[in-house]
Amino acid sequence: MSETVYSAEVPYRGTYRLQRLRFGRGAPHLAVVAGQHGNELTAVYAVNLLASALRAQAPHGTVDLVPLANTFGVDEGRKLGPFDDQDLNQSFPGRADGTAMERVAHALLEATQAEVCVDVHAGSPLMEELPQVRMPLEGPETELGRAMGLPLVWRRPTRSQDGVELVGAWRLRGARALRVTGGQGATLDKQVGLEIANGIRRLMAHMGMSAAPRPGQLLGDVSDEDVHVLRCEAGGMFVPEVTVGERVSPGYLLGRIVAPVGGATIEEIRATHAGVVMSLRRYPMAHAQELLLRIACL
């Protein structure tokens, strides 16, 4: 069932509506959100694929889906909300009488009160990300995150500012919350969307809510100390020689920085550790010290 959980009249734009899809009833209860950032369309696609599966077979329990939180941002292909140029995912817990995005954040948090919650994102328009689940170093989320069967599990320390993000706001309310990321912003990757949707379905199976799809392939289970970040020493055009998900060994040529005029090689980017490419810059132009790749060291 589709319902509007919050609406607001916006000058020159019409009506903003925050819509929730609810499937099933009773316990257990899962909530999934996508589209907080208006340029992360693969995340929106993934949650809509999940909605299609739930229409075909109702879950044991309740699943609440919010496939598109930042509708006006999607209209413009922008990460931020066009109301006040604020990041929805930096506006929690929000306020019912706050700024435009704080009101949306408040309504979104209230509409997704569940025991397990998943926030789905894509990479930035500059970067492609291997489908991954991000979760704390330890605690009740670790078993749930691994049950998703996505290619990468990234365990990260919690931060003092996490409460302003949706995942942190959920945790402060007692939910077990995960962040899922995959693909590239400002594009639609159908295969990544399907992989993420299947990961959430495996989570549902782990919770006893449905049958599981085929098992996923885990490439890495890492913490921050296992993630090697590569940046360029000089600016120029980045020409990659690898793809996301590719395994590399020390000395492996990952890409080159070349001169935009003439094409001469300015710098070779080589792996210093064995691992798998988890993040890859897709926008070619890079300034000195900008991010090019992350390698998950196995």
C-alpha atoms as a PDB file:
ATOM      1  CA  MET A   1       0.000   0.000   0.000  1.00  0.00           C
ATOM      2  CA  SER A   2       1.292   3.455  -0.918  1.00  0.00           C
ATOM      3  CA  GLU A   3       0.702   6.378   1.432  1.00  0.00           C
ATOM      4  CA  THR A   4       1.894   9.960   1.716  1.00  0.00           C
ATOM      5  CA  VAL A   5       3.453  10.383   5.164  1.00  0.00           C
ATOM      6  CA  TYR A   6       4.395  14.040   4.725  1.00  0.00           C
ATOM      7  CA  SER A   7       3.582  16.766   2.212  1.00  0.00           C
ATOM      8  CA  ALA A   8       4.376  20.458   1.817  1.00  0.00           C
ATOM      9  CA  GLU A   9       3.392  23.130  -0.668  1.00  0.00           C
ATOM     10  CA  VAL A  10       6.493  24.579  -2.284  1.00  0.00           C
ATOM     11  CA  PRO A  11       6.408  27.917  -4.159  1.00  0.00           C
ATOM     12  CA  TYR A  12       6.908  27.511  -7.922  1.00  0.00           C
ATOM     13  CA  ARG A  13       7.181  23.713  -7.557  1.00  0.00           C
ATOM     14  CA  GLY A  14       3.844  22.365  -6.439  1.00  0.00           C
ATOM     15  CA  THR A  15       3.543  19.774  -3.691  1.00  0.00           C
ATOM     16  CA  TYR A  16       6.403  17.810  -2.164  1.00  0.00           C
ATOM     17  CA  ARG A  17       5.281  14.335  -1.065  1.00  0.00           C
ATOM     18  CA  LEU A  18       7.178  11.795   1.004  1.00  0.00           C
ATOM     19  CA  GLN A  19       5.686   8.429   0.077  1.00  0.00           C
ATOM     20  CA  ARG A  20       5.969   5.113   1.882  1.00  0.00           C
ATOM     21  CA  LEU A  21       5.138   1.660   0.535  1.00  0.00           C
ATOM     22  CA  ARG A  22       4.037  -0.848   3.190  1.00  0.00           C
ATOM     23  CA  PHE A  23       3.962  -4.607   2.641  1.00  0.00           C
ATOM     24  CA  GLY A  24       2.680  -7.207   5.110  1.00  0.00           C
ATOM     25  CA  ARG A  25       1.936  -6.688   8.775  1.00  0.00           C
ATOM     26  CA  GLY A  26       3.140  -7.694  12.217  1.00  0.00           C
ATOM     27  CA  ALA A  27       6.657  -8.609  13.302  1.00  0.00           C
ATOM     28  CA  PRO A  28       9.457  -8.652  12.343  1.00  0.00           C
ATOM     29  CA  HIS A  29       9.642  -5.124  10.931  1.00  0.00           C
ATOM     30  CA  LEU A  30      12.130  -3.881   8.317  1.00  0.00           C
ATOM     31  CA  ALA A  31      12.420  -0.330   6.906  1.00  0.00           C
ATOM     32  CA  VAL A  32      14.400   0.579   3.761  1.00  0.00           C
ATOM     33  CA  VAL A  33      15.074   4.118   2.497  1.00  0.00           C
ATOM     34  CA  ALA A  34      16.686   5.352  -0.740  1.00  0.00           C
ATOM     35  CA  GLY A  35      16.932   8.607  -2.631  1.00  0.00           C
ATOM     36  CA  GLN A  36      18.042  10.900   0.188  1.00  0.00           C
ATOM     37  CA  HIS A  37      20.512  12.253  -2.353  1.00  0.00           C
ATOM     38  CA  GLY A  38      18.845  13.210  -5.610  1.00  0.00           C
ATOM     39  CA  ASN A  39      21.679  12.029  -7.861  1.00  0.00           C
ATOM     40  CA  GLU A  40      21.857   8.435  -6.524  1.00  0.00           C
ATOM     41  CA  LEU A  41      19.444   6.772  -8.914  1.00  0.00           C
ATOM     42  CA  THR A  42      20.756   3.207  -8.714  1.00  0.00           C
ATOM     43  CA  ALA A  43      19.688   3.192  -5.048  1.00  0.00           C
ATOM     44  CA  VAL A  44      16.159   4.289  -6.028  1.00  0.00           C
ATOM     45  CA  TYR A  45      16.056   1.581  -8.697  1.00  0.00           C
ATOM     46  CA  ALA A  46      17.192  -1.094  -6.207  1.00  0.00           C
ATOM     47  CA  VAL A  47      14.430  -0.315  -3.712  1.00  0.00           C
ATOM     48  CA  ASN A  48      11.813  -0.300  -6.463  1.00  0.00           C
ATOM     49  CA  LEU A  49      13.051  -3.746  -7.561  1.00  0.00           C
ATOM     50  CA  LEU A  50      12.511  -4.878  -3.979  1.00  0.00           C
ATOM     51  CA  ALA A  51       8.980  -3.429  -4.095  1.00  0.00           C
ATOM     52  CA  SER A  52       8.248  -5.499  -7.207  1.00  0.00           C
ATOM     53  CA  ALA A  53       9.396  -8.667  -5.426  1.00  0.00           C
ATOM     54  CA  LEU A  54       7.213  -7.863  -2.408  1.00  0.00           C
ATOM     55  CA  ARG A  55       4.171  -7.307  -4.620  1.00  0.00           C
ATOM     56  CA  ALA A  56       4.693 -10.783  -6.031  1.00  0.00           C
ATOM     57  CA  GLN A  57       5.062 -12.415  -2.618  1.00  0.00           C
ATOM     58  CA  ALA A  58       4.095 -10.703   0.634  1.00  0.00           C
ATOM     59  CA  PRO A  59       6.619 -10.928   3.496  1.00  0.00           C
ATOM     60  CA  HIS A  60       6.200 -12.617   6.847  1.00  0.00           C
ATOM     61  CA  GLY A  61       6.094  -9.442   8.901  1.00  0.00           C
ATOM     62  CA  THR A  62       6.167  -5.796   7.805  1.00  0.00           C
ATOM     63  CA  VAL A  63       8.405  -4.084   5.256  1.00  0.00           C
ATOM     64  CA  ASP A  64       8.272  -0.290   4.861  1.00  0.00           C
ATOM     65  CA  LEU A  65       9.949   1.141   1.754  1.00  0.00           C
ATOM     66  CA  VAL A  66      10.692   4.780   0.979  1.00  0.00           C
ATOM     67  CA  PRO A  67      12.198   4.506  -2.528  1.00  0.00           C
ATOM     68  CA  LEU A  68      12.624   8.245  -3.090  1.00  0.00           C
ATOM     69  CA  ALA A  69      13.039  10.675  -0.207  1.00  0.00           C
ATOM     70  CA  ASN A  70      14.429  13.686  -2.094  1.00  0.00           C
ATOM     71  CA  THR A  71      11.966  13.916  -4.994  1.00  0.00           C
ATOM     72  CA  PHE A  72      12.806  17.460  -6.028  1.00  0.00           C
ATOM     73  CA  GLY A  73      16.535  16.685  -5.883  1.00  0.00           C
ATOM     74  CA  VAL A  74      15.966  13.835  -8.352  1.00  0.00           C
ATOM     75  CA  ASP A  75      14.107  16.226 -10.655  1.00  0.00           C
ATOM     76  CA  GLU A  76      17.238  18.375 -10.850  1.00  0.00           C
ATOM     77  CA  GLY A  77      19.819  15.576 -10.584  1.00  0.00           C
ATOM     78  CA  ARG A  78      21.251  17.191  -7.466  1.00  0.00           C
ATOM     79  CA  LYS A  79      22.518  15.609  -4.261  1.00  0.00           C
ATOM     80  CA  LEU A  80      21.114  18.348  -2.022  1.00  0.00           C
ATOM     81  CA  GLY A  81      17.539  19.351  -1.404  1.00  0.00           C
ATOM     82  CA  PRO A  82      16.453  22.313  -3.555  1.00  0.00           C
ATOM     83  CA  PHE A  83      14.341  23.787  -0.739  1.00  0.00           C
ATOM     84  CA  ASP A  84      17.304  25.292   1.086  1.00  0.00           C
ATOM     85  CA  ASP A  85      20.378  23.611  -0.452  1.00  0.00           C
ATOM     86  CA  GLN A  86      20.737  21.337   2.589  1.00  0.00           C
ATOM     87  CA  ASP A  87      21.789  17.689   2.711  1.00  0.00           C
ATOM     88  CA  LEU A  88      18.848  15.606   3.928  1.00  0.00           C
ATOM     89  CA  ASN A  89      21.253  13.025   5.328  1.00  0.00           C
ATOM     90  CA  GLN A  90      22.829  15.709   7.519  1.00  0.00           C
ATOM     91  CA  SER A  91      19.496  16.939   8.935  1.00  0.00           C
ATOM     92  CA  PHE A  92      18.471  14.268  11.469  1.00  0.00           C
ATOM     93  CA  PRO A  93      16.711  13.858  13.793  1.00  0.00           C
ATOM     94  CA  GLY A  94      14.990  16.860  12.254  1.00  0.00           C
ATOM     95  CA  ARG A  95      12.218  19.022  13.704  1.00  0.00           C
ATOM     96  CA  ALA A  96       8.543  19.252  12.905  1.00  0.00           C
ATOM     97  CA  ASP A  97       8.843  23.063  13.008  1.00  0.00           C
ATOM     98  CA  GLY A  98      12.364  23.360  11.578  1.00  0.00           C
ATOM     99  CA  THR A  99      13.803  24.209   8.186  1.00  0.00           C
ATOM    100  CA  ALA A 100      12.394  22.535   5.085  1.00  0.00           C
ATOM    101  CA  MET A 101      14.873  19.650   5.148  1.00  0.00           C
ATOM    102  CA  GLU A 102      14.633  19.285   8.931  1.00  0.00           C
ATOM    103  CA  ARG A 103      10.876  18.800   8.528  1.00  0.00           C
ATOM    104  CA  VAL A 104      11.410  16.146   5.855  1.00  0.00           C
ATOM    105  CA  ALA A 105      14.037  14.441   8.058  1.00  0.00           C
ATOM    106  CA  HIS A 106      11.656  14.430  11.028  1.00  0.00           C
ATOM    107  CA  ALA A 107       8.859  12.911   8.936  1.00  0.00           C
ATOM    108  CA  LEU A 108      11.171  10.330   7.370  1.00  0.00           C
ATOM    109  CA  LEU A 109      12.480   9.212  10.760  1.00  0.00           C
ATOM    110  CA  GLU A 110       8.962   8.924  12.169  1.00  0.00           C
ATOM    111  CA  ALA A 111       7.785   6.930   9.131  1.00  0.00           C
ATOM    112  CA  THR A 112      10.565   4.328   9.394  1.00  0.00           C
ATOM    113  CA  GLN A 113      10.343   3.071  12.951  1.00  0.00           C
ATOM    114  CA  ALA A 114      11.404  -0.569  12.636  1.00  0.00           C
ATOM    115  CA  GLU A 115      13.654  -3.018  14.420  1.00  0.00           C
ATOM    116  CA  VAL A 116      16.006  -3.276  11.411  1.00  0.00           C
ATOM    117  CA  CYS A 117      16.603  -0.349   9.019  1.00  0.00           C
ATOM    118  CA  VAL A 118      18.637  -0.008   5.808  1.00  0.00           C
ATOM    119  CA  ASP A 119      19.696   3.249   4.138  1.00  0.00           C
ATOM    120  CA  VAL A 120      20.595   2.688   0.456  1.00  0.00           C
ATOM    121  CA  HIS A 121      22.972   4.981  -1.463  1.00  0.00           C
ATOM    122  CA  ALA A 122      25.064   5.054  -4.626  1.00  0.00           C
ATOM    123  CA  GLY A 123      28.540   6.466  -5.062  1.00  0.00           C
ATOM    124  CA  SER A 124      29.126  10.093  -5.961  1.00  0.00           C
ATOM    125  CA  PRO A 125      28.978  11.169  -9.628  1.00  0.00           C
ATOM    126  CA  LEU A 126      32.793  11.080  -9.542  1.00  0.00           C
ATOM    127  CA  MET A 127      33.222   7.586  -8.060  1.00  0.00           C
ATOM    128  CA  GLU A 128      31.963   4.062  -8.694  1.00  0.00           C
ATOM    129  CA  GLU A 129      31.592   1.861  -5.614  1.00  0.00           C
ATOM    130  CA  LEU A 130      31.628  -1.920  -5.315  1.00  0.00           C
ATOM    131  CA  PRO A 131      28.269  -2.956  -3.768  1.00  0.00           C
ATOM    132  CA  GLN A 132      28.956  -2.941  -0.036  1.00  0.00           C
ATOM    133  CA  VAL A 133      27.374  -2.790   3.388  1.00  0.00           C
ATOM    134  CA  ARG A 134      28.866  -0.401   5.944  1.00  0.00           C
ATOM    135  CA  MET A 135      28.394  -1.120   9.631  1.00  0.00           C
ATOM    136  CA  PRO A 136      30.058  -0.649  13.045  1.00  0.00           C
ATOM    137  CA  LEU A 137      33.149  -2.602  14.031  1.00  0.00           C
ATOM    138  CA  GLU A 138      31.059  -4.757  16.350  1.00  0.00           C
ATOM    139  CA  GLY A 139      27.559  -5.042  17.737  1.00  0.00           C
ATOM    140  CA  PRO A 140      24.157  -6.317  16.637  1.00  0.00           C
ATOM    141  CA  GLU A 141      24.516  -5.097  13.039  1.00  0.00           C
ATOM    142  CA  THR A 142      27.501  -7.271  12.147  1.00  0.00           C
ATOM    143  CA  GLU A 143      25.545 -10.504  11.748  1.00  0.00           C
ATOM    144  CA  LEU A 144      22.838  -8.709   9.742  1.00  0.00           C
ATOM    145  CA  GLY A 145      25.313  -7.005   7.418  1.00  0.00           C
ATOM    146  CA  ARG A 146      27.134 -10.212   6.613  1.00  0.00           C
ATOM    147  CA  ALA A 147      23.817 -11.966   5.961  1.00  0.00           C
ATOM    148  CA  MET A 148      23.229  -9.630   2.995  1.00  0.00           C
ATOM    149  CA  GLY A 149      25.880 -11.445   0.964  1.00  0.00           C
ATOM    150  CA  LEU A 150      27.096  -8.314  -0.826  1.00  0.00           C
ATOM    151  CA  PRO A 151      30.621  -8.315  -2.307  1.00  0.00           C
ATOM    152  CA  LEU A 152      32.091  -6.153   0.448  1.00  0.00           C
ATOM    153  CA  VAL A 153      31.549  -5.719   4.193  1.00  0.00           C
ATOM    154  CA  TRP A 154      33.175  -2.538   5.519  1.00  0.00           C
ATOM    155  CA  ARG A 155      33.298  -2.282   9.331  1.00  0.00           C
ATOM    156  CA  ARG A 156      33.887   1.299  10.489  1.00  0.00           C
ATOM    157  CA  PRO A 157      34.165   3.084  13.855  1.00  0.00           C
ATOM    158  CA  THR A 158      31.131   5.106  14.884  1.00  0.00           C
ATOM    159  CA  ARG A 159      31.597   8.883  14.860  1.00  0.00           C
ATOM    160  CA  SER A 160      30.315  11.597  17.167  1.00  0.00           C
ATOM    161  CA  GLN A 161      28.442  13.245  14.262  1.00  0.00           C
ATOM    162  CA  ASP A 162      26.691  10.035  13.161  1.00  0.00           C
ATOM    163  CA  GLY A 163      23.458  11.128  14.865  1.00  0.00           C
ATOM    164  CA  VAL A 164      22.823  13.748  12.175  1.00  0.00           C
ATOM    165  CA  GLU A 165      22.686  10.990   9.544  1.00  0.00           C
ATOM    166  CA  LEU A 166      19.704   8.693   9.142  1.00  0.00           C
ATOM    167  CA  VAL A 167      21.568   5.521  10.132  1.00  0.00           C
ATOM    168  CA  GLY A 168      22.829   7.152  13.324  1.00  0.00           C
ATOM    169  CA  ALA A 169      19.394   8.570  14.142  1.00  0.00           C
ATOM    170  CA  TRP A 170      17.885   5.100  13.756  1.00  0.00           C
ATOM    171  CA  ARG A 171      20.504   3.624  16.095  1.00  0.00           C
ATOM    172  CA  LEU A 172      19.836   6.280  18.722  1.00  0.00           C
ATOM    173  CA  ARG A 173      16.228   5.084  18.696  1.00  0.00           C
ATOM    174  CA  GLY A 174      17.305   1.499  19.294  1.00  0.00           C
ATOM    175  CA  ALA A 175      17.118   0.105  15.755  1.00  0.00           C
ATOM    176  CA  ARG A 176      19.787  -2.039  14.143  1.00  0.00           C
ATOM    177  CA  ALA A 177      20.753   0.046  11.122  1.00  0.00           C
ATOM    178  CA  LEU A 178      22.943  -0.525   8.060  1.00  0.00           C
ATOM    179  CA  ARG A 179      24.125   1.647   5.188  1.00  0.00           C
ATOM    180  CA  VAL A 180      24.382   0.052   1.736  1.00  0.00           C
ATOM    181  CA  THR A 181      26.246   1.682  -1.155  1.00  0.00           C
ATOM    182  CA  GLY A 182      26.943   0.626  -4.732  1.00  0.00           C
ATOM    183  CA  GLY A 183      27.410   1.941  -8.253  1.00  0.00           C
ATOM    184  CA  GLN A 184      27.978   5.525  -9.348  1.00  0.00           C
ATOM    185  CA  GLY A 185      25.957   8.681  -8.848  1.00  0.00           C
ATOM    186  CA  ALA A 186      24.129  10.391 -11.728  1.00  0.00           C
ATOM    187  CA  THR A 187      23.884   7.048 -13.583  1.00  0.00           C
ATOM    188  CA  LEU A 188      21.692   3.948 -13.463  1.00  0.00           C
ATOM    189  CA  ASP A 189      23.421   0.563 -13.141  1.00  0.00           C
ATOM    190  CA  LYS A 190      20.773  -2.141 -13.410  1.00  0.00           C
ATOM    191  CA  GLN A 191      23.098  -4.959 -12.353  1.00  0.00           C
ATOM    192  CA  VAL A 192      24.216  -3.133  -9.207  1.00  0.00           C
ATOM    193  CA  GLY A 193      20.591  -2.294  -8.419  1.00  0.00           C
ATOM    194  CA  LEU A 194      19.658  -5.971  -8.703  1.00  0.00           C
ATOM    195  CA  GLU A 195      22.615  -6.970  -6.529  1.00  0.00           C
ATOM    196  CA  ILE A 196      21.561  -4.541  -3.795  1.00  0.00           C
ATOM    197  CA  ALA A 197      17.902  -5.625  -3.992  1.00  0.00           C
ATOM    198  CA  ASN A 198      18.958  -9.266  -3.660  1.00  0.00           C
ATOM    199  CA  GLY A 199      21.159  -8.356  -0.701  1.00  0.00           C
ATOM    200  CA  ILE A 200      18.160  -6.882   1.117  1.00  0.00           C
ATOM    201  CA  ARG A 201      16.135  -9.987   0.245  1.00  0.00           C
ATOM    202  CA  ARG A 202      18.875 -12.141   1.835  1.00  0.00           C
ATOM    203  CA  LEU A 203      18.617  -9.946   4.917  1.00  0.00           C
ATOM    204  CA  MET A 204      14.858 -10.558   4.953  1.00  0.00           C
ATOM    205  CA  ALA A 205      15.487 -14.300   4.711  1.00  0.00           C
ATOM    206  CA  HIS A 206      17.905 -14.063   7.642  1.00  0.00           C
ATOM    207  CA  MET A 207      15.131 -12.326   9.611  1.00  0.00           C
ATOM    208  CA  GLY A 208      12.644 -15.080   8.713  1.00  0.00           C
ATOM    209  CA  MET A 209      10.583 -12.831   6.460  1.00  0.00           C
ATOM    210  CA  SER A 210      10.966 -14.560   3.072  1.00  0.00           C
ATOM    211  CA  ALA A 211      12.858 -17.122   1.049  1.00  0.00           C
ATOM    212  CA  ALA A 212      16.401 -16.168   0.061  1.00  0.00           C
ATOM    213  CA  PRO A 213      17.579 -15.565  -3.517  1.00  0.00           C
ATOM    214  CA  ARG A 214      20.779 -17.214  -4.699  1.00  0.00           C
ATOM    215  CA  PRO A 215      23.797 -16.695  -2.413  1.00  0.00           C
ATOM    216  CA  GLY A 216      26.019 -13.691  -3.013  1.00  0.00           C
ATOM    217  CA  GLN A 217      29.793 -13.672  -3.495  1.00  0.00           C
ATOM    218  CA  LEU A 218      31.743 -12.084  -0.652  1.00  0.00           C
ATOM    219  CA  LEU A 219      35.032 -10.622  -1.892  1.00  0.00           C
ATOM    220  CA  GLY A 220      36.145  -8.902   1.295  1.00  0.00           C
ATOM    221  CA  ASP A 221      35.294  -8.278   4.955  1.00  0.00           C
ATOM    222  CA  VAL A 222      37.438  -5.341   6.046  1.00  0.00           C
ATOM    223  CA  SER A 223      37.846  -2.568   8.607  1.00  0.00           C
ATOM    224  CA  ASP A 224      39.293   0.902   7.986  1.00  0.00           C
ATOM    225  CA  GLU A 225      42.849  -0.321   8.554  1.00  0.00           C
ATOM    226  CA  ASP A 226      42.386  -2.764   5.649  1.00  0.00           C
ATOM    227  CA  VAL A 227      41.288  -0.054   3.177  1.00  0.00           C
ATOM    228  CA  HIS A 228      44.169   1.494   1.226  1.00  0.00           C
ATOM    229  CA  VAL A 229      43.414   4.906  -0.312  1.00  0.00           C
ATOM    230  CA  LEU A 230      45.252   6.059  -3.433  1.00  0.00           C
ATOM    231  CA  ARG A 231      45.423   9.719  -4.460  1.00  0.00           C
ATOM    232  CA  CYS A 232      47.254  11.431  -7.292  1.00  0.00           C
ATOM    233  CA  GLU A 233      50.400  13.460  -6.616  1.00  0.00           C
ATOM    234  CA  ALA A 234      49.764  15.727  -9.612  1.00  0.00           C
ATOM    235  CA  GLY A 235      46.655  16.927 -11.390  1.00  0.00           C
ATOM    236  CA  GLY A 236      45.644  15.771 -14.839  1.00  0.00           C
ATOM    237  CA  MET A 237      43.403  13.262 -16.588  1.00  0.00           C
ATOM    238  CA  PHE A 238      43.006   9.922 -14.811  1.00  0.00           C
ATOM    239  CA  VAL A 239      42.963   6.936 -17.175  1.00  0.00           C
ATOM    240  CA  PRO A 240      42.077   3.766 -15.199  1.00  0.00           C
ATOM    241  CA  GLU A 241      43.495   0.360 -16.099  1.00  0.00           C
ATOM    242  CA  VAL A 242      41.261  -1.651 -13.725  1.00  0.00           C
ATOM    243  CA  THR A 243      37.561  -2.086 -12.969  1.00  0.00           C
ATOM    244  CA  VAL A 244      35.597  -2.161  -9.728  1.00  0.00           C
ATOM    245  CA  GLY A 245      35.747  -5.637  -8.188  1.00  0.00           C
ATOM    246  CA  GLU A 246      39.030  -6.556  -9.897  1.00  0.00           C
ATOM    247  CA  ARG A 247      41.689  -8.275  -7.817  1.00  0.00           C
ATOM    248  CA  VAL A 248      45.135  -6.672  -7.854  1.00  0.00           C
ATOM    249  CA  SER A 249      48.588  -7.466  -6.478  1.00  0.00           C
ATOM    250  CA  PRO A 250      51.454  -5.187  -5.349  1.00  0.00           C
ATOM    251  CA  GLY A 251      52.948  -3.317  -8.302  1.00  0.00           C
ATOM    252  CA  TYR A 252      49.849  -3.803 -10.467  1.00  0.00           C
ATOM    253  CA  LEU A 253      49.207  -0.828 -12.767  1.00  0.00           C
ATOM    254  CA  LEU A 254      45.911   0.714 -11.647  1.00  0.00           C
ATOM    255  CA  GLY A 255      45.902   3.755 -13.908  1.00  0.00           C
ATOM    256  CA  ARG A 256      47.772   6.784 -15.142  1.00  0.00           C
ATOM    257  CA  ILE A 257      47.578  10.532 -14.744  1.00  0.00           C
ATOM    258  CA  VAL A 258      48.170  12.010 -18.195  1.00  0.00           C
ATOM    259  CA  ALA A 259      48.453  15.571 -19.443  1.00  0.00           C
ATOM    260  CA  PRO A 260      45.131  16.868 -20.802  1.00  0.00           C
ATOM    261  CA  VAL A 261      47.074  18.482 -23.659  1.00  0.00           C
ATOM    262  CA  GLY A 262      49.436  16.095 -25.439  1.00  0.00           C
ATOM    263  CA  GLY A 263      48.616  13.010 -23.370  1.00  0.00           C
ATOM    264  CA  ALA A 264      52.056  12.525 -21.852  1.00  0.00           C
ATOM    265  CA  THR A 265      52.110  10.311 -18.748  1.00  0.00           C
ATOM    266  CA  ILE A 266      52.619  12.434 -15.641  1.00  0.00           C
ATOM    267  CA  GLU A 267      52.235   9.703 -13.027  1.00  0.00           C
ATOM    268  CA  GLU A 268      51.609   5.949 -12.852  1.00  0.00           C
ATOM    269  CA  ILE A 269      49.285   4.724 -10.106  1.00  0.00           C
ATOM    270  CA  ARG A 270      50.309   1.265  -8.881  1.00  0.00           C
ATOM    271  CA  ALA A 271      48.956  -0.992  -6.152  1.00  0.00           C
ATOM    272  CA  THR A 272      51.019  -1.215  -2.983  1.00  0.00           C
ATOM    273  CA  HIS A 273      48.873  -3.982  -1.453  1.00  0.00           C
ATOM    274  CA  ALA A 274      47.054  -7.064  -2.670  1.00  0.00           C
ATOM    275  CA  GLY A 275      43.293  -6.710  -2.640  1.00  0.00           C
ATOM    276  CA  VAL A 276      40.176  -5.850  -4.594  1.00  0.00           C
ATOM    277  CA  VAL A 277      39.233  -2.519  -6.164  1.00  0.00           C
ATOM    278  CA  MET A 278      36.322  -1.226  -4.083  1.00  0.00           C
ATOM    279  CA  SER A 279      36.163   2.418  -5.268  1.00  0.00           C
ATOM    280  CA  LEU A 280      37.244   3.818  -8.627  1.00  0.00           C
ATOM    281  CA  ARG A 281      37.225   7.385  -9.927  1.00  0.00           C
ATOM    282  CA  ARG A 282      35.072   7.633 -13.055  1.00  0.00           C
ATOM    283  CA  TYR A 283      35.243  11.384 -13.681  1.00  0.00           C
ATOM    284  CA  PRO A 284      38.624  11.654 -15.429  1.00  0.00           C
ATOM    285  CA  MET A 285      39.819  15.120 -14.397  1.00  0.00           C
ATOM    286  CA  ALA A 286      41.553  15.184 -11.040  1.00  0.00           C
ATOM    287  CA  HIS A 287      43.451  17.777  -9.031  1.00  0.00           C
ATOM    288  CA  ALA A 288      46.498  16.911  -6.949  1.00  0.00           C
ATOM    289  CA  GLN A 289      45.673  14.774  -3.887  1.00  0.00           C
ATOM    290  CA  GLU A 290      42.168  13.909  -5.049  1.00  0.00           C
ATOM    291  CA  LEU A 291      40.850  10.388  -4.497  1.00  0.00           C
ATOM    292  CA  LEU A 292      41.424   7.922  -7.346  1.00  0.00           C
ATOM    293  CA  LEU A 293      40.887   4.445  -5.862  1.00  0.00           C
ATOM    294  CA  ARG A 294      40.296   2.499  -2.680  1.00  0.00           C
ATOM    295  CA  ILE A 295      41.702  -1.008  -2.409  1.00  0.00           C
ATOM    296  CA  ALA A 296      40.214  -3.432   0.109  1.00  0.00           C
ATOM    297  CA  CYS A 297      43.244  -5.371   1.290  1.00  0.00           C
ATOM    298  CA  LEU A 298      42.412  -9.058   1.707  1.00  0.00           C
END
